[in-house]
Protein backbone atom coordinates (compact mmCIF):
# COMPACT_ATOMS: atom_id res chain seq x y z
CA UNK A 1 0.00 0.00 0.00
CA UNK A 2 2.87 2.42 0.66
CA UNK A 3 3.74 3.01 -3.01
CA UNK A 4 0.12 3.64 -3.93
CA UNK A 5 -0.30 5.94 -0.96
CA UNK A 6 2.89 7.80 -1.87
CA UNK A 7 1.65 8.22 -5.45
CA UNK A 8 -1.71 9.52 -4.28
CA UNK A 9 -0.15 11.95 -1.80
CA UNK A 10 2.27 13.15 -4.49
CA UNK A 11 -0.56 13.65 -6.98
CA UNK A 12 -2.56 15.68 -4.47
CA UNK A 13 0.50 17.68 -3.43
CA UNK A 14 1.25 18.59 -7.06
CA UNK A 15 -2.40 19.44 -7.74
CA UNK A 16 -2.43 21.72 -4.71
CA UNK A 17 0.69 23.51 -5.95
CA UNK A 18 -0.83 23.98 -9.41
CA UNK A 19 -3.98 25.44 -7.88
CA UNK A 20 -1.85 27.78 -5.77
CA UNK A 21 0.14 28.82 -8.83
CA UNK A 22 3.44 28.54 -7.02
CA UNK A 23 5.94 26.04 -5.69
CA UNK A 24 5.16 24.98 -2.14
CA UNK A 25 6.85 22.78 0.43
CA UNK A 26 5.61 19.35 1.51
CA UNK A 27 5.67 20.75 5.05
CA UNK A 28 3.07 23.34 4.02
CA UNK A 29 0.92 20.68 2.37
CA UNK A 30 1.10 18.50 5.46
CA UNK A 31 0.34 21.24 7.95
CA UNK A 32 -1.92 23.58 5.98
CA UNK A 33 -3.91 21.11 3.89
CA UNK A 34 -3.81 17.76 5.65
CA UNK A 35 -3.49 19.34 9.09
CA UNK A 36 -0.93 16.83 10.32
CA UNK A 37 2.59 17.39 11.58
CA UNK A 38 5.18 17.55 8.82
CA UNK A 39 7.27 14.84 10.47
CA UNK A 40 4.27 12.49 10.55
CA UNK A 41 3.64 13.23 6.88
CA UNK A 42 7.28 12.56 6.01
CA UNK A 43 7.29 9.25 7.88
CA UNK A 44 4.10 8.11 6.13
CA UNK A 45 5.29 9.38 2.74
CA UNK A 46 8.61 7.54 3.07
CA UNK A 47 7.03 4.30 4.30
CA UNK A 48 8.47 4.51 7.80
CA UNK A 49 5.05 4.82 9.42
CA UNK A 50 1.75 3.21 8.47
CA UNK A 51 -1.15 5.56 7.81
CA UNK A 52 -4.08 4.64 10.01
CA UNK A 53 -7.58 4.34 8.61
CA UNK A 54 -8.44 7.50 10.53
CA UNK A 55 -5.60 9.32 8.75
CA UNK A 56 -6.74 8.01 5.37
CA UNK A 57 -10.22 9.39 6.06
CA UNK A 58 -8.63 12.71 7.02
CA UNK A 59 -6.60 12.75 3.78
CA UNK A 60 -9.76 12.07 1.78
CA UNK A 61 -11.70 14.78 3.55
CA UNK A 62 -8.95 17.40 3.32
CA UNK A 63 -8.09 16.75 -0.34
CA UNK A 64 -11.53 15.76 -1.59
CA UNK A 65 -9.93 12.66 -3.12
CA UNK A 66 -12.07 9.64 -2.33
CA UNK A 67 -9.38 7.23 -3.56
CA UNK A 68 -7.89 7.39 -0.04
CA UNK A 69 -10.95 5.45 1.13
CA UNK A 70 -10.21 2.79 -1.48
CA UNK A 71 -6.62 2.43 -0.25
CA UNK A 72 -7.84 2.05 3.31
CA UNK A 73 -10.45 -0.46 2.14
CA UNK A 74 -13.21 1.72 3.54
CA UNK A 75 -16.53 2.50 1.89
CA UNK A 76 -16.73 5.86 0.20
CA UNK A 77 -19.16 8.21 1.93
CA UNK A 78 -22.34 9.34 0.27
CA UNK A 79 -21.35 12.41 -1.81
CA UNK A 80 -24.41 14.41 -0.74
CA UNK A 81 -23.77 13.72 2.94
CA UNK A 82 -20.08 14.53 2.53
CA UNK A 83 -20.92 17.89 0.93
CA UNK A 84 -23.43 18.69 3.65
CA UNK A 85 -20.85 17.85 6.33
CA UNK A 86 -18.27 20.07 4.61
CA UNK A 87 -20.55 23.11 4.62
CA UNK A 88 -22.38 22.42 7.90
CA UNK A 89 -20.28 24.81 10.01
CA UNK A 90 -21.16 27.68 7.67
CA UNK A 91 -24.93 27.19 8.03
CA UNK A 92 -26.52 29.29 10.79
CA UNK A 93 -27.75 27.23 13.76
CA UNK A 94 -31.43 28.01 13.21
CA UNK A 95 -31.14 26.80 9.60
CA UNK A 96 -29.39 23.62 10.74
CA UNK A 97 -32.41 22.74 12.86
CA UNK A 98 -34.72 23.37 9.90
CA UNK A 99 -32.58 21.13 7.68
CA UNK A 100 -32.57 18.38 10.29
CA UNK A 101 -36.34 18.57 10.63
CA UNK A 102 -36.74 18.46 6.85
CA UNK A 103 -34.50 15.40 6.72
CA UNK A 104 -36.50 13.70 9.44
CA UNK A 105 -39.71 14.31 7.48
CA UNK A 106 -38.30 12.27 4.58
CA UNK A 107 -37.49 9.21 6.69
CA UNK A 108 -39.56 6.12 6.03
CA UNK A 109 -41.94 5.68 8.93
CA UNK A 110 -40.68 2.21 9.89
CA UNK A 111 -36.97 3.10 9.79
CA UNK A 112 -34.90 2.91 12.97
CA UNK A 113 -32.66 5.94 13.44
C-alpha atoms as a PDB file:
ATOM      1  CA  UNK A   1       0.000   0.000   0.000  1.00  0.00           C
ATOM      2  CA  UNK A   2       2.867   2.419   0.664  1.00  0.00           C
ATOM      3  CA  UNK A   3       3.741   3.007  -3.009  1.00  0.00           C
ATOM      4  CA  UNK A   4       0.115   3.639  -3.933  1.00  0.00           C
ATOM      5  CA  UNK A   5      -0.302   5.945  -0.964  1.00  0.00           C
ATOM      6  CA  UNK A   6       2.890   7.799  -1.869  1.00  0.00           C
ATOM      7  CA  UNK A   7       1.654   8.224  -5.451  1.00  0.00           C
ATOM      8  CA  UNK A   8      -1.713   9.522  -4.277  1.00  0.00           C
ATOM      9  CA  UNK A   9      -0.155  11.951  -1.803  1.00  0.00           C
ATOM     10  CA  UNK A  10       2.267  13.150  -4.492  1.00  0.00           C
ATOM     11  CA  UNK A  11      -0.558  13.654  -6.979  1.00  0.00           C
ATOM     12  CA  UNK A  12      -2.563  15.683  -4.469  1.00  0.00           C
ATOM     13  CA  UNK A  13       0.502  17.684  -3.430  1.00  0.00           C
ATOM     14  CA  UNK A  14       1.251  18.591  -7.064  1.00  0.00           C
ATOM     15  CA  UNK A  15      -2.400  19.436  -7.743  1.00  0.00           C
ATOM     16  CA  UNK A  16      -2.432  21.717  -4.707  1.00  0.00           C
ATOM     17  CA  UNK A  17       0.692  23.506  -5.953  1.00  0.00           C
ATOM     18  CA  UNK A  18      -0.830  23.976  -9.411  1.00  0.00           C
ATOM     19  CA  UNK A  19      -3.976  25.445  -7.881  1.00  0.00           C
ATOM     20  CA  UNK A  20      -1.848  27.784  -5.772  1.00  0.00           C
ATOM     21  CA  UNK A  21       0.138  28.817  -8.832  1.00  0.00           C
ATOM     22  CA  UNK A  22       3.441  28.535  -7.022  1.00  0.00           C
ATOM     23  CA  UNK A  23       5.939  26.040  -5.690  1.00  0.00           C
ATOM     24  CA  UNK A  24       5.157  24.982  -2.140  1.00  0.00           C
ATOM     25  CA  UNK A  25       6.847  22.778   0.429  1.00  0.00           C
ATOM     26  CA  UNK A  26       5.605  19.354   1.507  1.00  0.00           C
ATOM     27  CA  UNK A  27       5.666  20.753   5.046  1.00  0.00           C
ATOM     28  CA  UNK A  28       3.069  23.343   4.021  1.00  0.00           C
ATOM     29  CA  UNK A  29       0.923  20.683   2.365  1.00  0.00           C
ATOM     30  CA  UNK A  30       1.097  18.501   5.460  1.00  0.00           C
ATOM     31  CA  UNK A  31       0.340  21.237   7.950  1.00  0.00           C
ATOM     32  CA  UNK A  32      -1.923  23.585   5.981  1.00  0.00           C
ATOM     33  CA  UNK A  33      -3.914  21.115   3.887  1.00  0.00           C
ATOM     34  CA  UNK A  34      -3.813  17.756   5.649  1.00  0.00           C
ATOM     35  CA  UNK A  35      -3.490  19.343   9.092  1.00  0.00           C
ATOM     36  CA  UNK A  36      -0.930  16.826  10.323  1.00  0.00           C
ATOM     37  CA  UNK A  37       2.587  17.394  11.583  1.00  0.00           C
ATOM     38  CA  UNK A  38       5.185  17.552   8.815  1.00  0.00           C
ATOM     39  CA  UNK A  39       7.270  14.836  10.475  1.00  0.00           C
ATOM     40  CA  UNK A  40       4.275  12.492  10.546  1.00  0.00           C
ATOM     41  CA  UNK A  41       3.639  13.225   6.876  1.00  0.00           C
ATOM     42  CA  UNK A  42       7.280  12.559   6.010  1.00  0.00           C
ATOM     43  CA  UNK A  43       7.294   9.247   7.881  1.00  0.00           C
ATOM     44  CA  UNK A  44       4.098   8.106   6.127  1.00  0.00           C
ATOM     45  CA  UNK A  45       5.290   9.376   2.736  1.00  0.00           C
ATOM     46  CA  UNK A  46       8.615   7.539   3.074  1.00  0.00           C
ATOM     47  CA  UNK A  47       7.032   4.301   4.300  1.00  0.00           C
ATOM     48  CA  UNK A  48       8.466   4.510   7.799  1.00  0.00           C
ATOM     49  CA  UNK A  49       5.049   4.824   9.415  1.00  0.00           C
ATOM     50  CA  UNK A  50       1.746   3.205   8.471  1.00  0.00           C
ATOM     51  CA  UNK A  51      -1.147   5.563   7.812  1.00  0.00           C
ATOM     52  CA  UNK A  52      -4.078   4.637  10.015  1.00  0.00           C
ATOM     53  CA  UNK A  53      -7.582   4.337   8.610  1.00  0.00           C
ATOM     54  CA  UNK A  54      -8.444   7.505  10.526  1.00  0.00           C
ATOM     55  CA  UNK A  55      -5.599   9.323   8.747  1.00  0.00           C
ATOM     56  CA  UNK A  56      -6.745   8.010   5.374  1.00  0.00           C
ATOM     57  CA  UNK A  57     -10.219   9.391   6.057  1.00  0.00           C
ATOM     58  CA  UNK A  58      -8.625  12.712   7.025  1.00  0.00           C
ATOM     59  CA  UNK A  59      -6.601  12.752   3.781  1.00  0.00           C
ATOM     60  CA  UNK A  60      -9.758  12.066   1.779  1.00  0.00           C
ATOM     61  CA  UNK A  61     -11.702  14.784   3.554  1.00  0.00           C
ATOM     62  CA  UNK A  62      -8.951  17.395   3.317  1.00  0.00           C
ATOM     63  CA  UNK A  63      -8.092  16.753  -0.336  1.00  0.00           C
ATOM     64  CA  UNK A  64     -11.529  15.759  -1.589  1.00  0.00           C
ATOM     65  CA  UNK A  65      -9.927  12.658  -3.120  1.00  0.00           C
ATOM     66  CA  UNK A  66     -12.071   9.636  -2.327  1.00  0.00           C
ATOM     67  CA  UNK A  67      -9.379   7.228  -3.556  1.00  0.00           C
ATOM     68  CA  UNK A  68      -7.890   7.390  -0.043  1.00  0.00           C
ATOM     69  CA  UNK A  69     -10.952   5.451   1.131  1.00  0.00           C
ATOM     70  CA  UNK A  70     -10.207   2.793  -1.475  1.00  0.00           C
ATOM     71  CA  UNK A  71      -6.617   2.430  -0.254  1.00  0.00           C
ATOM     72  CA  UNK A  72      -7.836   2.054   3.310  1.00  0.00           C
ATOM     73  CA  UNK A  73     -10.447  -0.461   2.142  1.00  0.00           C
ATOM     74  CA  UNK A  74     -13.207   1.724   3.542  1.00  0.00           C
ATOM     75  CA  UNK A  75     -16.534   2.498   1.891  1.00  0.00           C
ATOM     76  CA  UNK A  76     -16.734   5.863   0.202  1.00  0.00           C
ATOM     77  CA  UNK A  77     -19.158   8.213   1.928  1.00  0.00           C
ATOM     78  CA  UNK A  78     -22.340   9.336   0.266  1.00  0.00           C
ATOM     79  CA  UNK A  79     -21.349  12.411  -1.808  1.00  0.00           C
ATOM     80  CA  UNK A  80     -24.406  14.413  -0.745  1.00  0.00           C
ATOM     81  CA  UNK A  81     -23.771  13.716   2.936  1.00  0.00           C
ATOM     82  CA  UNK A  82     -20.076  14.533   2.528  1.00  0.00           C
ATOM     83  CA  UNK A  83     -20.924  17.889   0.928  1.00  0.00           C
ATOM     84  CA  UNK A  84     -23.431  18.688   3.647  1.00  0.00           C
ATOM     85  CA  UNK A  85     -20.851  17.847   6.331  1.00  0.00           C
ATOM     86  CA  UNK A  86     -18.274  20.065   4.606  1.00  0.00           C
ATOM     87  CA  UNK A  87     -20.550  23.114   4.621  1.00  0.00           C
ATOM     88  CA  UNK A  88     -22.376  22.418   7.900  1.00  0.00           C
ATOM     89  CA  UNK A  89     -20.276  24.805  10.007  1.00  0.00           C
ATOM     90  CA  UNK A  90     -21.165  27.679   7.671  1.00  0.00           C
ATOM     91  CA  UNK A  91     -24.926  27.190   8.032  1.00  0.00           C
ATOM     92  CA  UNK A  92     -26.521  29.287  10.790  1.00  0.00           C
ATOM     93  CA  UNK A  93     -27.745  27.227  13.764  1.00  0.00           C
ATOM     94  CA  UNK A  94     -31.431  28.010  13.208  1.00  0.00           C
ATOM     95  CA  UNK A  95     -31.142  26.804   9.596  1.00  0.00           C
ATOM     96  CA  UNK A  96     -29.394  23.619  10.742  1.00  0.00           C
ATOM     97  CA  UNK A  97     -32.415  22.739  12.859  1.00  0.00           C
ATOM     98  CA  UNK A  98     -34.716  23.369   9.902  1.00  0.00           C
ATOM     99  CA  UNK A  99     -32.578  21.127   7.678  1.00  0.00           C
ATOM    100  CA  UNK A 100     -32.573  18.381  10.294  1.00  0.00           C
ATOM    101  CA  UNK A 101     -36.343  18.570  10.632  1.00  0.00           C
ATOM    102  CA  UNK A 102     -36.738  18.459   6.849  1.00  0.00           C
ATOM    103  CA  UNK A 103     -34.498  15.395   6.721  1.00  0.00           C
ATOM    104  CA  UNK A 104     -36.500  13.705   9.443  1.00  0.00           C
ATOM    105  CA  UNK A 105     -39.707  14.311   7.485  1.00  0.00           C
ATOM    106  CA  UNK A 106     -38.296  12.270   4.577  1.00  0.00           C
ATOM    107  CA  UNK A 107     -37.493   9.214   6.687  1.00  0.00           C
ATOM    108  CA  UNK A 108     -39.562   6.123   6.030  1.00  0.00           C
ATOM    109  CA  UNK A 109     -41.939   5.680   8.931  1.00  0.00           C
ATOM    110  CA  UNK A 110     -40.685   2.209   9.895  1.00  0.00           C
ATOM    111  CA  UNK A 111     -36.972   3.105   9.790  1.00  0.00           C
ATOM    112  CA  UNK A 112     -34.904   2.914  12.967  1.00  0.00           C
ATOM    113  CA  UNK A 113     -32.662   5.942  13.440  1.00  0.00           C
END
